[in-house]
Amino acid sequence: MWKKARERDVITMTTFYIISEKEYKEYKKLKTKNKPMRKLLGYEKLYCPVCNYVVDNAVPNQKYCDRCGQRLYKRLYKKK
């Protein structure tokens, strides 16, 4: 029983990583970029919600923005 508990402690210790603040900020930025966002509709064209770049103009549906790399949904909503 002691051996199993000892193995479990070693496994939980390996799940923690020490990274710098710069690496953490870069990780958070990439994580938000990979989260899908809905395309914006305005003037009969679809736009990226982050950089307002025109997407899906006379091309098949795009999953990512060409300019900023933001992941996009297929659905859309009206631009305010």
N, C-alpha and C. Protein backbone atom coordinates (compact mmCIF):
# COMPACT_ATOMS: atom_id res chain seq x y z
N MET A 1 0.82 -1.19 0.00
CA MET A 1 0.00 0.00 0.00
C MET A 1 0.87 1.26 0.00
N TRP A 2 1.95 1.25 0.75
CA TRP A 2 2.82 2.40 0.79
C TRP A 2 3.42 2.67 -0.58
N LYS A 3 3.73 1.61 -1.31
CA LYS A 3 4.34 1.75 -2.62
C LYS A 3 3.37 2.43 -3.60
N LYS A 4 2.07 2.08 -3.56
CA LYS A 4 1.09 2.71 -4.44
C LYS A 4 0.93 4.20 -4.12
N ALA A 5 0.89 4.53 -2.84
CA ALA A 5 0.76 5.93 -2.46
C ALA A 5 1.98 6.72 -2.91
N ARG A 6 3.13 6.12 -2.81
CA ARG A 6 4.36 6.79 -3.21
C ARG A 6 4.37 7.03 -4.72
N GLU A 7 3.92 6.08 -5.52
CA GLU A 7 3.84 6.25 -6.97
C GLU A 7 2.85 7.36 -7.33
N ARG A 8 1.74 7.42 -6.62
CA ARG A 8 0.73 8.43 -6.88
C ARG A 8 1.30 9.83 -6.60
N ASP A 9 2.09 9.98 -5.54
CA ASP A 9 2.70 11.26 -5.22
C ASP A 9 3.67 11.70 -6.32
N VAL A 10 4.40 10.78 -6.84
CA VAL A 10 5.35 11.11 -7.90
C VAL A 10 4.61 11.56 -9.16
N ILE A 11 3.50 10.91 -9.48
CA ILE A 11 2.72 11.27 -10.67
C ILE A 11 2.15 12.68 -10.52
N THR A 12 1.61 13.03 -9.36
CA THR A 12 1.04 14.36 -9.19
C THR A 12 2.11 15.44 -9.20
N MET A 13 3.31 15.12 -8.75
CA MET A 13 4.39 16.11 -8.77
C MET A 13 4.83 16.42 -10.19
N THR A 14 4.72 15.49 -11.11
CA THR A 14 5.16 15.73 -12.47
C THR A 14 4.16 16.54 -13.29
N THR A 15 2.95 16.78 -12.77
CA THR A 15 1.96 17.54 -13.53
C THR A 15 2.16 19.04 -13.41
N PHE A 16 3.02 19.51 -12.51
CA PHE A 16 3.26 20.93 -12.33
C PHE A 16 4.46 21.36 -13.16
N TYR A 17 4.30 22.49 -13.86
CA TYR A 17 5.39 23.03 -14.67
C TYR A 17 5.68 24.45 -14.21
N ILE A 18 6.93 24.80 -14.17
CA ILE A 18 7.32 26.16 -13.81
C ILE A 18 7.70 26.87 -15.10
N ILE A 19 6.94 27.94 -15.43
CA ILE A 19 7.21 28.71 -16.64
C ILE A 19 7.32 30.18 -16.26
N SER A 20 7.93 30.95 -17.12
CA SER A 20 8.09 32.38 -16.85
C SER A 20 6.78 33.11 -17.15
N GLU A 21 6.72 34.36 -16.70
CA GLU A 21 5.52 35.17 -16.93
C GLU A 21 5.33 35.44 -18.42
N LYS A 22 6.42 35.62 -19.16
CA LYS A 22 6.35 35.87 -20.60
C LYS A 22 5.75 34.66 -21.33
N GLU A 23 6.20 33.45 -20.96
CA GLU A 23 5.66 32.24 -21.56
C GLU A 23 4.19 32.06 -21.22
N TYR A 24 3.79 32.43 -19.99
CA TYR A 24 2.39 32.30 -19.58
C TYR A 24 1.50 33.25 -20.38
N LYS A 25 1.97 34.49 -20.61
CA LYS A 25 1.18 35.44 -21.40
C LYS A 25 1.03 34.96 -22.85
N GLU A 26 2.11 34.39 -23.40
CA GLU A 26 2.04 33.86 -24.76
C GLU A 26 1.08 32.68 -24.84
N TYR A 27 1.08 31.82 -23.81
CA TYR A 27 0.16 30.69 -23.75
C TYR A 27 -1.29 31.16 -23.71
N LYS A 28 -1.58 32.17 -22.89
CA LYS A 28 -2.95 32.69 -22.79
C LYS A 28 -3.40 33.31 -24.10
N LYS A 29 -2.48 34.00 -24.80
CA LYS A 29 -2.81 34.61 -26.08
C LYS A 29 -3.15 33.54 -27.12
N LEU A 30 -2.35 32.49 -27.19
CA LEU A 30 -2.61 31.41 -28.13
C LEU A 30 -3.89 30.66 -27.79
N LYS A 31 -4.18 30.52 -26.50
CA LYS A 31 -5.40 29.82 -26.06
C LYS A 31 -6.64 30.61 -26.48
N THR A 32 -6.62 31.93 -26.33
CA THR A 32 -7.77 32.74 -26.75
C THR A 32 -7.91 32.76 -28.27
N LYS A 33 -6.79 32.71 -28.99
CA LYS A 33 -6.84 32.71 -30.45
C LYS A 33 -7.43 31.41 -30.97
N ASN A 34 -7.23 30.32 -30.26
CA ASN A 34 -7.74 29.02 -30.69
C ASN A 34 -9.22 28.83 -30.34
N LYS A 35 -9.79 29.71 -29.50
CA LYS A 35 -11.21 29.64 -29.16
C LYS A 35 -12.03 30.20 -30.33
N PRO A 36 -12.97 29.41 -30.88
CA PRO A 36 -13.73 29.90 -32.04
C PRO A 36 -14.61 31.10 -31.71
N MET A 37 -14.63 32.07 -32.61
CA MET A 37 -15.49 33.24 -32.48
C MET A 37 -16.40 33.33 -33.71
N ARG A 38 -17.54 33.95 -33.54
CA ARG A 38 -18.48 34.07 -34.66
C ARG A 38 -18.08 35.19 -35.60
N LYS A 39 -18.32 34.96 -36.87
CA LYS A 39 -18.02 35.97 -37.89
C LYS A 39 -19.04 37.09 -37.80
N LEU A 40 -18.62 38.28 -38.19
CA LEU A 40 -19.50 39.43 -38.19
C LEU A 40 -20.03 39.67 -39.60
N LEU A 41 -21.30 40.07 -39.69
CA LEU A 41 -21.91 40.37 -40.98
C LEU A 41 -22.11 41.87 -41.09
N GLY A 42 -21.60 42.43 -42.17
CA GLY A 42 -21.79 43.85 -42.40
C GLY A 42 -21.57 44.16 -43.87
N TYR A 43 -22.46 44.94 -44.45
CA TYR A 43 -22.37 45.32 -45.86
C TYR A 43 -22.27 44.10 -46.77
N GLU A 44 -23.06 43.08 -46.47
CA GLU A 44 -23.17 41.84 -47.25
C GLU A 44 -21.85 41.06 -47.33
N LYS A 45 -20.94 41.28 -46.41
CA LYS A 45 -19.68 40.53 -46.34
C LYS A 45 -19.48 40.06 -44.91
N LEU A 46 -18.68 39.00 -44.76
CA LEU A 46 -18.38 38.49 -43.44
C LEU A 46 -17.00 38.98 -43.00
N TYR A 47 -16.89 39.36 -41.72
CA TYR A 47 -15.65 39.92 -41.19
C TYR A 47 -15.16 39.12 -39.98
N CYS A 48 -13.85 39.15 -39.77
CA CYS A 48 -13.23 38.56 -38.59
C CYS A 48 -13.56 39.46 -37.39
N PRO A 49 -13.97 38.91 -36.24
CA PRO A 49 -14.32 39.75 -35.09
C PRO A 49 -13.11 40.40 -34.42
N VAL A 50 -11.91 39.92 -34.66
CA VAL A 50 -10.71 40.46 -34.01
C VAL A 50 -10.10 41.59 -34.82
N CYS A 51 -9.86 41.35 -36.12
CA CYS A 51 -9.13 42.34 -36.94
C CYS A 51 -9.99 42.98 -38.03
N ASN A 52 -11.26 42.61 -38.14
CA ASN A 52 -12.19 43.15 -39.14
C ASN A 52 -11.72 42.91 -40.57
N TYR A 53 -11.03 41.82 -40.80
CA TYR A 53 -10.59 41.43 -42.14
C TYR A 53 -11.72 40.67 -42.83
N VAL A 54 -11.93 40.88 -44.12
CA VAL A 54 -13.00 40.21 -44.86
C VAL A 54 -12.66 38.73 -45.02
N VAL A 55 -13.57 37.86 -44.58
CA VAL A 55 -13.41 36.41 -44.74
C VAL A 55 -14.61 35.88 -45.51
N ASP A 56 -14.47 34.74 -46.15
CA ASP A 56 -15.54 34.09 -46.90
C ASP A 56 -16.09 34.95 -48.02
N ASN A 57 -15.26 35.73 -48.69
CA ASN A 57 -15.72 36.55 -49.81
C ASN A 57 -15.38 35.82 -51.10
N ALA A 58 -16.38 35.16 -51.71
CA ALA A 58 -16.25 34.42 -52.96
C ALA A 58 -15.30 33.23 -52.82
N VAL A 59 -15.20 32.67 -51.63
CA VAL A 59 -14.41 31.46 -51.38
C VAL A 59 -15.23 30.54 -50.48
N PRO A 60 -14.86 29.27 -50.37
CA PRO A 60 -15.57 28.40 -49.43
C PRO A 60 -15.42 28.88 -47.98
N ASN A 61 -16.24 28.32 -47.10
CA ASN A 61 -16.18 28.72 -45.69
C ASN A 61 -14.78 28.54 -45.13
N GLN A 62 -14.33 29.54 -44.37
CA GLN A 62 -13.01 29.49 -43.76
C GLN A 62 -13.15 29.18 -42.28
N LYS A 63 -12.22 28.38 -41.75
CA LYS A 63 -12.21 28.06 -40.33
C LYS A 63 -11.29 28.98 -39.56
N TYR A 64 -10.34 29.65 -40.26
CA TYR A 64 -9.39 30.55 -39.63
C TYR A 64 -9.29 31.83 -40.44
N CYS A 65 -9.00 32.93 -39.75
CA CYS A 65 -8.80 34.22 -40.42
C CYS A 65 -7.43 34.21 -41.09
N ASP A 66 -7.35 34.76 -42.33
CA ASP A 66 -6.09 34.80 -43.06
C ASP A 66 -5.10 35.79 -42.46
N ARG A 67 -5.59 36.88 -41.88
CA ARG A 67 -4.69 37.91 -41.37
C ARG A 67 -4.16 37.60 -39.97
N CYS A 68 -5.06 37.32 -39.01
CA CYS A 68 -4.61 37.18 -37.62
C CYS A 68 -4.59 35.73 -37.13
N GLY A 69 -5.20 34.80 -37.86
CA GLY A 69 -5.17 33.40 -37.46
C GLY A 69 -6.23 33.01 -36.46
N GLN A 70 -7.20 33.89 -36.19
CA GLN A 70 -8.27 33.60 -35.23
C GLN A 70 -9.15 32.47 -35.76
N ARG A 71 -9.50 31.52 -34.89
CA ARG A 71 -10.39 30.42 -35.28
C ARG A 71 -11.82 30.95 -35.34
N LEU A 72 -12.57 30.55 -36.36
CA LEU A 72 -13.91 31.10 -36.62
C LEU A 72 -14.96 30.00 -36.67
N TYR A 73 -16.19 30.36 -36.24
CA TYR A 73 -17.35 29.48 -36.39
C TYR A 73 -17.91 29.60 -37.80
N LYS A 74 -18.77 28.68 -38.17
CA LYS A 74 -19.48 28.80 -39.45
C LYS A 74 -20.65 29.76 -39.32
N ARG A 75 -21.25 29.83 -38.11
CA ARG A 75 -22.40 30.71 -37.90
C ARG A 75 -21.95 32.17 -37.79
N LEU A 76 -22.88 33.10 -37.93
CA LEU A 76 -22.55 34.51 -37.89
C LEU A 76 -23.64 35.28 -37.16
N TYR A 77 -23.39 36.54 -36.90
CA TYR A 77 -24.40 37.43 -36.35
C TYR A 77 -24.18 38.83 -36.91
N LYS A 78 -25.17 39.70 -36.71
CA LYS A 78 -25.13 41.04 -37.29
C LYS A 78 -24.09 41.91 -36.63
N LYS A 79 -23.42 42.72 -37.44
CA LYS A 79 -22.45 43.67 -36.94
C LYS A 79 -23.18 44.91 -36.43
N LYS A 80 -22.79 45.41 -35.28
CA LYS A 80 -23.49 46.59 -34.71
C LYS A 80 -23.03 47.86 -35.34
